[in-house]
Each structure stands twice: as structure tokens, then as C-alpha cells.
Amino acid sequence: MLFMVYVLNIAVFFVYYMNNNSIFLFLRRFLQLYVSNFFCIYSLMFCIVHSTELTFI
């Protein structure tokens, strides 16, 4: 699942880069999406771990 998210992101970055030929815009967008996805995935994993802990207790 995590791998698919990153593949999707690379595809989005590529399309964005082809539309805007500015490398700085592309890099800024890349960092923005990478950071936001990292926090999203981290929070999702955190929720899953805590829900499993609660069910085991």
C-alpha cells in the first residue's frame, strides 16, 4: 500500500513537471507532497496501532 502511494506520487510529480517546466516549482511541489503524505501515513499507522492495542486489551 505504501509503495503504491509513492508510485502514485511520482506519477503526479511527473505530470506536474511536464505541465510546468520550472524545476524550482517542481521541487517545491515534490517536497510539499512528500511531507504531507509522510504525516498522513504516520497518523494512519498511529491510529491503526492504537486501535489494535485497544482491541487486544
C-alpha atoms as a PDB file:
ATOM      1  CA  MET A   1       0.000   0.000   0.000  1.00  0.00           C
ATOM      2  CA  LEU A   2       2.804   2.407   0.972  1.00  0.00           C
ATOM      3  CA  PHE A   3       4.642   1.543  -2.253  1.00  0.00           C
ATOM      4  CA  MET A   4       1.526   2.328  -4.309  1.00  0.00           C
ATOM      5  CA  VAL A   5       1.204   5.742  -2.643  1.00  0.00           C
ATOM      6  CA  TYR A   6       4.777   6.640  -3.614  1.00  0.00           C
ATOM      7  CA  VAL A   7       4.324   5.350  -7.191  1.00  0.00           C
ATOM      8  CA  LEU A   8       1.189   7.494  -7.475  1.00  0.00           C
ATOM      9  CA  ASN A   9       3.101  10.499  -6.143  1.00  0.00           C
ATOM     10  CA  ILE A  10       5.899  10.032  -8.682  1.00  0.00           C
ATOM     11  CA  ALA A  11       3.297   9.901 -11.467  1.00  0.00           C
ATOM     12  CA  VAL A  12       1.676  13.109 -10.161  1.00  0.00           C
ATOM     13  CA  PHE A  13       5.066  14.823  -9.923  1.00  0.00           C
ATOM     14  CA  PHE A  14       5.950  13.779 -13.460  1.00  0.00           C
ATOM     15  CA  VAL A  15       2.686  15.120 -14.905  1.00  0.00           C
ATOM     16  CA  TYR A  16       3.081  18.350 -12.912  1.00  0.00           C
ATOM     17  CA  TYR A  17       6.655  18.751 -14.156  1.00  0.00           C
ATOM     18  CA  MET A  18       5.649  18.189 -17.780  1.00  0.00           C
ATOM     19  CA  ASN A  19       2.984  20.902 -17.431  1.00  0.00           C
ATOM     20  CA  ASN A  20       5.265  23.408 -15.679  1.00  0.00           C
ATOM     21  CA  ASN A  21       8.812  23.291 -16.961  1.00  0.00           C
ATOM     22  CA  SER A  22      10.173  25.131 -13.924  1.00  0.00           C
ATOM     23  CA  ILE A  23      12.399  22.819 -11.863  1.00  0.00           C
ATOM     24  CA  PHE A  24      12.059  25.002  -8.754  1.00  0.00           C
ATOM     25  CA  LEU A  25       8.270  24.808  -8.786  1.00  0.00           C
ATOM     26  CA  PHE A  26       8.537  21.064  -9.314  1.00  0.00           C
ATOM     27  CA  LEU A  27      10.924  20.609  -6.369  1.00  0.00           C
ATOM     28  CA  ARG A  28       8.788  22.758  -4.093  1.00  0.00           C
ATOM     29  CA  ARG A  29       5.686  20.753  -5.013  1.00  0.00           C
ATOM     30  CA  PHE A  30       7.605  17.491  -4.532  1.00  0.00           C
ATOM     31  CA  LEU A  31       8.671  18.477  -1.015  1.00  0.00           C
ATOM     32  CA  GLN A  32       5.182  19.704  -0.103  1.00  0.00           C
ATOM     33  CA  LEU A  33       3.521  16.467  -1.194  1.00  0.00           C
ATOM     34  CA  TYR A  34       6.217  14.281   0.348  1.00  0.00           C
ATOM     35  CA  VAL A  35       5.920  15.980   3.750  1.00  0.00           C
ATOM     36  CA  SER A  36       2.103  15.983   3.739  1.00  0.00           C
ATOM     37  CA  ASN A  37       1.985  12.313   2.726  1.00  0.00           C
ATOM     38  CA  PHE A  38       4.544  11.380   5.372  1.00  0.00           C
ATOM     39  CA  PHE A  39       2.386  12.924   8.110  1.00  0.00           C
ATOM     40  CA  CYS A  40      -0.786  11.385   6.660  1.00  0.00           C
ATOM     41  CA  ILE A  41       0.760   7.889   6.576  1.00  0.00           C
ATOM     42  CA  TYR A  42       2.293   8.343  10.028  1.00  0.00           C
ATOM     43  CA  SER A  43      -1.036   9.381  11.569  1.00  0.00           C
ATOM     44  CA  LEU A  44      -2.804   6.495   9.801  1.00  0.00           C
ATOM     45  CA  MET A  45      -0.280   3.977  11.172  1.00  0.00           C
ATOM     46  CA  PHE A  46      -0.603   5.553  14.638  1.00  0.00           C
ATOM     47  CA  CYS A  47      -4.400   5.135  14.531  1.00  0.00           C
ATOM     48  CA  ILE A  48      -4.135   1.509  13.346  1.00  0.00           C
ATOM     49  CA  VAL A  49      -1.641   0.615  16.094  1.00  0.00           C
ATOM     50  CA  HIS A  50      -3.777   2.202  18.800  1.00  0.00           C
ATOM     51  CA  SER A  51      -6.990   0.584  17.561  1.00  0.00           C
ATOM     52  CA  THR A  52      -5.321  -2.852  17.586  1.00  0.00           C
ATOM     53  CA  GLU A  53      -3.969  -2.193  21.091  1.00  0.00           C
ATOM     54  CA  LEU A  54      -7.460  -1.320  22.291  1.00  0.00           C
ATOM     55  CA  THR A  55      -8.985  -4.438  20.741  1.00  0.00           C
ATOM     56  CA  PHE A  56      -6.322  -6.661  22.346  1.00  0.00           C
ATOM     57  CA  ILE A  57      -6.946  -5.101  25.764  1.00  0.00           C
END
